[in-house]
C-alpha atoms as a PDB file:
ATOM      1  CA  MET A   1       0.000   0.000   0.000  1.00  0.00           C
ATOM      2  CA  ALA A   2       1.301   3.461  -0.902  1.00  0.00           C
ATOM      3  CA  LEU A   3       2.225   5.918   1.833  1.00  0.00           C
ATOM      4  CA  GLY A   4      -0.238   8.744   2.373  1.00  0.00           C
ATOM      5  CA  HIS A   5       0.787  12.181   1.111  1.00  0.00           C
ATOM      6  CA  LYS A   6       1.674  13.547   4.542  1.00  0.00           C
ATOM      7  CA  ALA A   7       3.598  10.404   5.506  1.00  0.00           C
ATOM      8  CA  PHE A   8       5.489  10.459   2.194  1.00  0.00           C
ATOM      9  CA  VAL A   9       6.544  14.101   2.619  1.00  0.00           C
ATOM     10  CA  HIS A  10       7.526  13.529   6.270  1.00  0.00           C
ATOM     11  CA  ALA A  11       9.664  10.553   5.261  1.00  0.00           C
ATOM     12  CA  VAL A  12      11.430  12.561   2.534  1.00  0.00           C
ATOM     13  CA  ALA A  13      11.973  15.498   4.899  1.00  0.00           C
ATOM     14  CA  LYS A  14      13.492  13.224   7.539  1.00  0.00           C
ATOM     15  CA  ARG A  15      15.920  11.725   5.025  1.00  0.00           C
ATOM     16  CA  ALA A  16      16.838  15.144   3.679  1.00  0.00           C
ATOM     17  CA  GLY A  17      17.286  16.712   7.113  1.00  0.00           C
ATOM     18  CA  ARG A  18      14.681  19.356   6.325  1.00  0.00           C
ATOM     19  CA  ASP A  19      11.857  20.781   8.442  1.00  0.00           C
ATOM     20  CA  ASP A  20      10.029  22.934   5.868  1.00  0.00           C
ATOM     21  CA  LEU A  21       7.423  20.372   4.840  1.00  0.00           C
ATOM     22  CA  GLU A  22       5.663  22.602   2.327  1.00  0.00           C
ATOM     23  CA  ARG A  23       8.887  23.253   0.474  1.00  0.00           C
ATOM     24  CA  VAL A  24       9.885  19.583   0.627  1.00  0.00           C
ATOM     25  CA  ASP A  25       6.481  18.759  -0.875  1.00  0.00           C
ATOM     26  CA  ARG A  26       7.167  21.046  -3.855  1.00  0.00           C
ATOM     27  CA  GLU A  27      10.698  19.729  -4.299  1.00  0.00           C
ATOM     28  CA  ALA A  28       9.560  16.109  -4.106  1.00  0.00           C
ATOM     29  CA  GLU A  29       6.934  16.798  -6.770  1.00  0.00           C
ATOM     30  CA  SER A  30       9.606  18.329  -8.991  1.00  0.00           C
ATOM     31  CA  VAL A  31      11.828  15.250  -8.550  1.00  0.00           C
ATOM     32  CA  LEU A  32       8.975  12.896  -9.425  1.00  0.00           C
ATOM     33  CA  VAL A  33       7.868  14.886 -12.466  1.00  0.00           C
ATOM     34  CA  GLY A  34      11.458  15.088 -13.683  1.00  0.00           C
ATOM     35  CA  VAL A  35      11.794  11.314 -13.382  1.00  0.00           C
ATOM     36  CA  ALA A  36       8.412  10.681 -15.040  1.00  0.00           C
ATOM     37  CA  ARG A  37       9.472  12.684 -18.091  1.00  0.00           C
ATOM     38  CA  ARG A  38      12.660  10.666 -18.437  1.00  0.00           C
ATOM     39  CA  VAL A  39      11.144   7.167 -18.355  1.00  0.00           C
ATOM     40  CA  GLY A  40       8.668   5.239 -20.466  1.00  0.00           C
ATOM     41  CA  ALA A  41       5.016   4.377 -19.887  1.00  0.00           C
ATOM     42  CA  ASP A  42       5.826   1.312 -17.762  1.00  0.00           C
ATOM     43  CA  GLY A  43       8.107   3.227 -15.424  1.00  0.00           C
ATOM     44  CA  ARG A  44       5.597   6.055 -15.130  1.00  0.00           C
ATOM     45  CA  ALA A  45       2.748   3.651 -14.363  1.00  0.00           C
ATOM     46  CA  GLN A  46       4.712   1.786 -11.689  1.00  0.00           C
ATOM     47  CA  LEU A  47       5.806   5.051 -10.090  1.00  0.00           C
ATOM     48  CA  ALA A  48       2.270   6.471 -10.044  1.00  0.00           C
ATOM     49  CA  ALA A  49       0.938   3.230  -8.562  1.00  0.00           C
ATOM     50  CA  VAL A  50       3.004   3.600  -5.369  1.00  0.00           C
ATOM     51  CA  LEU A  51       2.588   7.353  -4.829  1.00  0.00           C
ATOM     52  CA  PRO A  52      -0.057   9.272  -2.847  1.00  0.00           C
ATOM     53  CA  LEU A  53      -3.049  10.288  -4.977  1.00  0.00           C
ATOM     54  CA  GLY A  54      -2.104  13.915  -5.657  1.00  0.00           C
ATOM     55  CA  LEU A  55       1.459  13.090  -6.660  1.00  0.00           C
ATOM     56  CA  ALA A  56       0.319  10.036  -8.606  1.00  0.00           C
ATOM     57  CA  GLU A  57      -1.999  12.201 -10.729  1.00  0.00           C
ATOM     58  CA  VAL A  58       0.786  14.621 -11.583  1.00  0.00           C
ATOM     59  CA  VAL A  59       3.194  11.799 -12.467  1.00  0.00           C
ATOM     60  CA  ALA A  60       0.611  10.011 -14.617  1.00  0.00           C
ATOM     61  CA  GLN A  61       0.031  13.203 -16.606  1.00  0.00           C
ATOM     62  CA  SER A  62       3.756  13.934 -17.095  1.00  0.00           C
ATOM     63  CA  THR A  63       3.963  12.066 -20.373  1.00  0.00           C
ATOM     64  CA  THR A  64       5.856  14.584 -22.503  1.00  0.00           C
ATOM     65  CA  PRO A  65       9.515  13.499 -22.670  1.00  0.00           C
ATOM     66  CA  VAL A  66      12.260  16.054 -22.114  1.00  0.00           C
ATOM     67  CA  GLU A  67      14.834  16.641 -24.812  1.00  0.00           C
ATOM     68  CA  ASP A  68      17.773  16.325 -22.391  1.00  0.00           C
ATOM     69  CA  ARG A  69      17.443  13.201 -20.210  1.00  0.00           C
ATOM     70  CA  GLY A  70      20.781  13.773 -18.473  1.00  0.00           C
ATOM     71  CA  LEU A  71      21.376  14.184 -14.752  1.00  0.00           C
ATOM     72  CA  ALA A  72      22.585  17.786 -14.990  1.00  0.00           C
ATOM     73  CA  SER A  73      19.393  18.855 -16.742  1.00  0.00           C
ATOM     74  CA  PHE A  74      17.310  16.964 -14.181  1.00  0.00           C
ATOM     75  CA  LEU A  75      19.027  18.642 -11.218  1.00  0.00           C
ATOM     76  CA  ALA A  76      18.704  22.055 -12.863  1.00  0.00           C
ATOM     77  CA  THR A  77      14.950  21.536 -13.095  1.00  0.00           C
ATOM     78  CA  VAL A  78      14.638  20.402  -9.478  1.00  0.00           C
ATOM     79  CA  SER A  79      16.752  23.335  -8.300  1.00  0.00           C
ATOM     80  CA  SER A  80      14.436  25.828  -9.999  1.00  0.00           C
ATOM     81  CA  VAL A  81      12.641  26.024  -6.653  1.00  0.00           C
ATOM     82  CA  PRO A  82      13.437  29.575  -5.383  1.00  0.00           C
ATOM     83  CA  ASN A  83      16.706  29.832  -3.459  1.00  0.00           C
ATOM     84  CA  ASP A  84      17.779  26.275  -4.188  1.00  0.00           C
ATOM     85  CA  ASP A  85      20.806  24.954  -6.083  1.00  0.00           C
ATOM     86  CA  PRO A  86      21.877  21.745  -7.850  1.00  0.00           C
ATOM     87  CA  GLU A  87      23.782  20.453  -4.799  1.00  0.00           C
ATOM     88  CA  ARG A  88      20.688  20.650  -2.615  1.00  0.00           C
ATOM     89  CA  ALA A  89      18.578  19.330  -5.498  1.00  0.00           C
ATOM     90  CA  ARG A  90      20.719  16.189  -5.629  1.00  0.00           C
ATOM     91  CA  TYR A  91      20.274  15.738  -1.873  1.00  0.00           C
ATOM     92  CA  VAL A  92      16.479  15.995  -2.084  1.00  0.00           C
ATOM     93  CA  ALA A  93      16.391  13.732  -5.160  1.00  0.00           C
ATOM     94  CA  GLN A  94      18.333  11.101  -3.200  1.00  0.00           C
ATOM     95  CA  ALA A  95      15.884  11.410  -0.312  1.00  0.00           C
ATOM     96  CA  VAL A  96      12.905  10.870  -2.631  1.00  0.00           C
ATOM     97  CA  LEU A  97      14.310   8.088  -4.792  1.00  0.00           C
ATOM     98  CA  SER A  98      16.002   6.168  -1.963  1.00  0.00           C
ATOM     99  CA  LEU A  99      12.660   6.173  -0.130  1.00  0.00           C
ATOM    100  CA  ILE A 100      11.004   4.668  -3.204  1.00  0.00           C
ATOM    101  CA  ALA A 101      13.831   2.122  -3.515  1.00  0.00           C
ATOM    102  CA  GLU A 102      13.325   0.938   0.065  1.00  0.00           C
ATOM    103  CA  GLU A 103       9.538   1.022   0.184  1.00  0.00           C
ATOM    104  CA  TYR A 104       8.807  -0.057  -3.404  1.00  0.00           C
ATOM    105  CA  PRO A 105      11.844  -1.928  -4.798  1.00  0.00           C
ATOM    106  CA  LYS A 106      10.033  -3.223  -7.890  1.00  0.00           C
ATOM    107  CA  ALA A 107       9.074   0.284  -9.013  1.00  0.00           C
ATOM    108  CA  ALA A 108      12.598   1.523  -8.259  1.00  0.00           C
ATOM    109  CA  GLU A 109      14.127  -1.297 -10.292  1.00  0.00           C
ATOM    110  CA  THR A 110      12.034  -0.342 -13.308  1.00  0.00           C
ATOM    111  CA  LEU A 111      12.948   3.335 -12.953  1.00  0.00           C
ATOM    112  CA  ARG A 112      16.672   2.592 -12.675  1.00  0.00           C
ATOM    113  CA  ALA A 113      16.526   0.434 -15.791  1.00  0.00           C
ATOM    114  CA  GLU A 114      14.829   3.194 -17.808  1.00  0.00           C
ATOM    115  CA  LEU A 115      16.879   6.146 -16.547  1.00  0.00           C
ATOM    116  CA  PRO A 116      20.427   6.926 -17.710  1.00  0.00           C
ATOM    117  CA  ASP A 117      23.122   5.126 -15.688  1.00  0.00           C
ATOM    118  CA  GLU A 118      24.255   8.368 -14.038  1.00  0.00           C
ATOM    119  CA  PHE A 119      20.994   8.406 -12.003  1.00  0.00           C
ATOM    120  CA  GLY A 120      21.996   5.204 -10.150  1.00  0.00           C
ATOM    121  CA  ASP A 121      23.489   6.923  -7.080  1.00  0.00           C
ATOM    122  CA  LEU A 122      20.256   8.853  -6.508  1.00  0.00           C
ATOM    123  CA  PHE A 123      18.563   5.639  -5.365  1.00  0.00           C
ATOM    124  CA  THR A 124      20.873   5.415  -2.332  1.00  0.00           C
ATOM    125  CA  PRO A 125      20.150   7.415   0.868  1.00  0.00           C
ATOM    126  CA  PRO A 126      22.066  10.649   1.467  1.00  0.00           C
ATOM    127  CA  THR A 127      25.039   9.943   3.739  1.00  0.00           C
ATOM    128  CA  SER A 128      26.444  13.408   4.448  1.00  0.00           C
ATOM    129  CA  LEU A 129      24.949  16.448   6.135  1.00  0.00           C
ATOM    130  CA  PRO A 130      22.567  18.412   3.908  1.00  0.00           C
ATOM    131  CA  PRO A 131      24.128  21.375   2.084  1.00  0.00           C
ATOM    132  CA  ARG A 132      23.651  24.712   3.792  1.00  0.00           C
ATOM    133  CA  GLU A 133      20.456  26.362   2.637  1.00  0.00           C
ATOM    134  CA  ARG A 134      20.586  29.775   1.055  1.00  0.00           C
ATOM    135  CA  ASP A 135      18.843  32.553   2.922  1.00  0.00           C
ATOM    136  CA  ALA A 136      15.228  32.846   1.886  1.00  0.00           C
ATOM    137  CA  SER A 137      12.687  35.510   2.691  1.00  0.00           C
ATOM    138  CA  PRO A 138       9.281  34.483   4.049  1.00  0.00           C
ATOM    139  CA  ALA A 139       7.680  35.974   0.957  1.00  0.00           C
ATOM    140  CA  SER A 140       9.556  33.630  -1.354  1.00  0.00           C
ATOM    141  CA  SER A 141       9.107  30.426   0.636  1.00  0.00           C
ATOM    142  CA  GLU A 142       5.400  29.830   0.170  1.00  0.00           C
ATOM    143  CA  PRO A 143       2.714  31.351  -2.081  1.00  0.00           C
ATOM    144  CA  ALA A 144      -0.417  32.730  -0.470  1.00  0.00           C
ATOM    145  CA  ARG A 145      -3.749  31.142  -1.265  1.00  0.00           C
ATOM    146  CA  LEU A 146      -5.976  33.642  -3.068  1.00  0.00           C
ATOM    147  CA  THR A 147      -9.465  34.540  -1.909  1.00  0.00           C
ATOM    148  CA  ARG A 148     -12.548  33.646  -3.927  1.00  0.00           C
ATOM    149  CA  GLU A 149     -12.957  37.310  -4.890  1.00  0.00           C
ATOM    150  CA  GLU A 150      -9.337  37.568  -6.060  1.00  0.00           C
ATOM    151  CA  VAL A 151      -9.692  34.459  -8.206  1.00  0.00           C
ATOM    152  CA  GLU A 152     -12.996  35.631  -9.698  1.00  0.00           C
ATOM    153  CA  GLY A 153     -11.428  38.971 -10.616  1.00  0.00           C
ATOM    154  CA  ALA A 154      -8.428  37.252 -12.226  1.00  0.00           C
ATOM    155  CA  LEU A 155     -10.578  34.812 -14.203  1.00  0.00           C
ATOM    156  CA  ALA A 156     -12.588  37.708 -15.607  1.00  0.00           C
ATOM    157  CA  GLU A 157      -9.365  38.699 -17.403  1.00  0.00           C
ATOM    158  CA  ARG A 158      -8.648  35.155 -18.608  1.00  0.00           C
ATOM    159  CA  PRO A 159     -11.254  34.099 -21.186  1.00  0.00           C
ATOM    160  CA  GLY A 160     -12.150  30.422 -21.108  1.00  0.00           C
ATOM    161  CA  TRP A 161     -11.026  29.810 -17.526  1.00  0.00           C
ATOM    162  CA  THR A 162     -13.564  28.988 -14.814  1.00  0.00           C
ATOM    163  CA  GLY A 163     -13.433  27.877 -11.192  1.00  0.00           C
ATOM    164  CA  ASP A 164     -13.015  29.268  -7.699  1.00  0.00           C
ATOM    165  CA  ASP A 165     -10.355  29.585  -5.015  1.00  0.00           C
ATOM    166  CA  ASN A 166     -10.019  25.776  -4.864  1.00  0.00           C
ATOM    167  CA  ARG A 167      -9.367  24.940  -8.544  1.00  0.00           C
ATOM    168  CA  ILE A 168      -9.376  26.678 -11.921  1.00  0.00           C
ATOM    169  CA  ARG A 169      -9.836  24.958 -15.290  1.00  0.00           C
ATOM    170  CA  ARG A 170     -10.135  25.518 -18.985  1.00  0.00           C
ATOM    171  CA  THR A 171     -11.456  23.025 -21.560  1.00  0.00           C
ATOM    172  CA  VAL A 172     -10.429  23.293 -25.198  1.00  0.00           C
ATOM    173  CA  SER A 173     -10.894  21.212 -28.321  1.00  0.00           C
ATOM    174  CA  LEU A 174      -7.620  20.859 -30.199  1.00  0.00           C
ATOM    175  CA  PRO A 175      -7.073  19.404 -33.674  1.00  0.00           C
ATOM    176  CA  ALA A 176      -5.125  16.163 -33.463  1.00  0.00           C
ATOM    177  CA  GLU A 177      -2.334  17.536 -35.625  1.00  0.00           C
ATOM    178  CA  VAL A 178      -1.467  20.276 -33.090  1.00  0.00           C
ATOM    179  CA  ALA A 179      -2.305  18.583 -29.770  1.00  0.00           C
ATOM    180  CA  ALA A 180       1.136  17.036 -29.297  1.00  0.00           C
ATOM    181  CA  ASP A 181       2.904  20.309 -30.081  1.00  0.00           C
ATOM    182  CA  VAL A 182       0.709  22.180 -27.590  1.00  0.00           C
ATOM    183  CA  ARG A 183       1.404  19.624 -24.858  1.00  0.00           C
ATOM    184  CA  GLY A 184       5.138  19.865 -25.502  1.00  0.00           C
ATOM    185  CA  ARG A 185       5.111  23.655 -25.308  1.00  0.00           C
ATOM    186  CA  ILE A 186       3.113  23.564 -22.075  1.00  0.00           C
ATOM    187  CA  ALA A 187       5.542  21.015 -20.631  1.00  0.00           C
ATOM    188  CA  ARG A 188       8.447  23.392 -21.258  1.00  0.00           C
ATOM    189  CA  VAL A 189       6.580  26.198 -19.481  1.00  0.00           C
ATOM    190  CA  GLU A 190       5.898  23.890 -16.537  1.00  0.00           C
ATOM    191  CA  GLU A 191       9.621  23.199 -16.281  1.00  0.00           C
ATOM    192  CA  GLN A 192      10.409  26.924 -16.386  1.00  0.00           C
ATOM    193  CA  LEU A 193       7.841  27.877 -13.735  1.00  0.00           C
ATOM    194  CA  HIS A 194       8.351  24.802 -11.557  1.00  0.00           C
ATOM    195  CA  HIS A 195       4.581  24.377 -11.456  1.00  0.00           C
ATOM    196  CA  HIS A 196       2.449  21.698 -13.039  1.00  0.00           C
ATOM    197  CA  VAL A 197      -0.972  21.339 -14.621  1.00  0.00           C
ATOM    198  CA  VAL A 198      -3.203  18.262 -14.519  1.00  0.00           C
ATOM    199  CA  VAL A 199      -4.452  17.418 -18.016  1.00  0.00           C
ATOM    200  CA  GLU A 200      -7.736  15.531 -18.364  1.00  0.00           C
ATOM    201  CA  LYS A 201      -9.083  14.263 -21.687  1.00  0.00           C
ATOM    202  CA  ASP A 202     -12.682  13.312 -22.444  1.00  0.00           C
ATOM    203  CA  PRO A 203     -15.083  13.443 -25.430  1.00  0.00           C
ATOM    204  CA  ASN A 204     -15.613  17.168 -24.840  1.00  0.00           C
ATOM    205  CA  GLY A 205     -11.947  18.023 -25.291  1.00  0.00           C
ATOM    206  CA  THR A 206      -8.859  18.596 -23.151  1.00  0.00           C
ATOM    207  CA  THR A 207      -9.215  20.172 -19.708  1.00  0.00           C
ATOM    208  CA  TYR A 208      -6.331  21.953 -17.970  1.00  0.00           C
ATOM    209  CA  LEU A 209      -6.781  21.870 -14.175  1.00  0.00           C
ATOM    210  CA  LEU A 210      -4.688  24.046 -11.890  1.00  0.00           C
ATOM    211  CA  TRP A 211      -4.177  24.432  -8.155  1.00  0.00           C
ATOM    212  CA  THR A 212      -1.224  24.686  -5.769  1.00  0.00           C
ATOM    213  CA  ARG A 213      -0.966  21.459  -3.819  1.00  0.00           C
ATOM    214  CA  SER A 214       0.946  22.821  -0.834  1.00  0.00           C
ATOM    215  CA  VAL A 215      -1.984  25.104   0.084  1.00  0.00           C
ATOM    216  CA  ASP A 216      -4.707  23.004  -1.606  1.00  0.00           C
ATOM    217  CA  GLY A 217      -6.033  26.020  -3.449  1.00  0.00           C
ATOM    218  CA  VAL A 218      -5.358  28.617  -6.126  1.00  0.00           C
ATOM    219  CA  THR A 219      -2.331  30.925  -5.855  1.00  0.00           C
ATOM    220  CA  GLU A 220      -0.648  33.455  -8.107  1.00  0.00           C
ATOM    221  CA  ARG A 221       1.439  30.620  -9.562  1.00  0.00           C
ATOM    222  CA  ASP A 222      -1.687  29.050 -11.005  1.00  0.00           C
ATOM    223  CA  LEU A 223      -2.795  32.318 -12.595  1.00  0.00           C
ATOM    224  CA  VAL A 224       0.623  32.789 -14.187  1.00  0.00           C
ATOM    225  CA  LEU A 225       0.616  29.266 -15.611  1.00  0.00           C
ATOM    226  CA  ALA A 226      -2.994  29.685 -16.773  1.00  0.00           C
ATOM    227  CA  ALA A 227      -2.007  32.787 -18.728  1.00  0.00           C
ATOM    228  CA  ARG A 228       0.921  30.965 -20.340  1.00  0.00           C
ATOM    229  CA  ILE A 229      -1.308  28.012 -21.258  1.00  0.00           C
ATOM    230  CA  SER A 230      -3.859  30.354 -22.825  1.00  0.00           C
ATOM    231  CA  ALA A 231      -1.165  32.042 -24.869  1.00  0.00           C
ATOM    232  CA  ILE A 232      -0.048  28.660 -26.232  1.00  0.00           C
ATOM    233  CA  VAL A 233      -3.567  27.366 -26.918  1.00  0.00           C
ATOM    234  CA  ASP A 234      -4.767  30.614 -28.483  1.00  0.00           C
ATOM    235  CA  ASP A 235      -1.703  30.676 -30.703  1.00  0.00           C
ATOM    236  CA  VAL A 236      -2.933  27.548 -32.518  1.00  0.00           C
END
């Protein structure tokens, strides 16, 4: 049985020697998304199967492969969390992937087989003290959840988007010949912003669903990503 979300984050934080659980949650998500985009469907499915529901959904939707599957690129993406760096990113990645290796060895074995060889050491627990953290201001450590009124005002300026302070969404119908290109462009924006969208497909089209998991609601990050998604979709 998969660990619950809180238990998973606590376990990663303990391994990483960290006490900021909200930040560890974001970093762990970045590690898992980075891995998901560097493995095939089997690896992604096995990883999602052992993760808590929220993280499993994000991993399952991270199907667009990255152009650079190397370790340096991976750590650069993880370290895009404000005030982090590749050395700390490696430490957190080891905490996440060594936890998976111990709790879910079959899933870890599949991931190691599908990832480049240079990822092998990340499946072993960190052995040294965590790197010293850069100074961070309270304003940069955690986004504030927006009020219902703030979200409604923002959505009025973003045609096609609906929702409330819990979740925002937009459904579009894309021609098959451009859908893959749109998803790839959105994936690159997700990497840049270190924030991720859940993509749901049904007969009515493709729905983009946004919220910030650490506060379980809508923040400015979601509005920024929504605007970037609209720019990409409207372009085609």
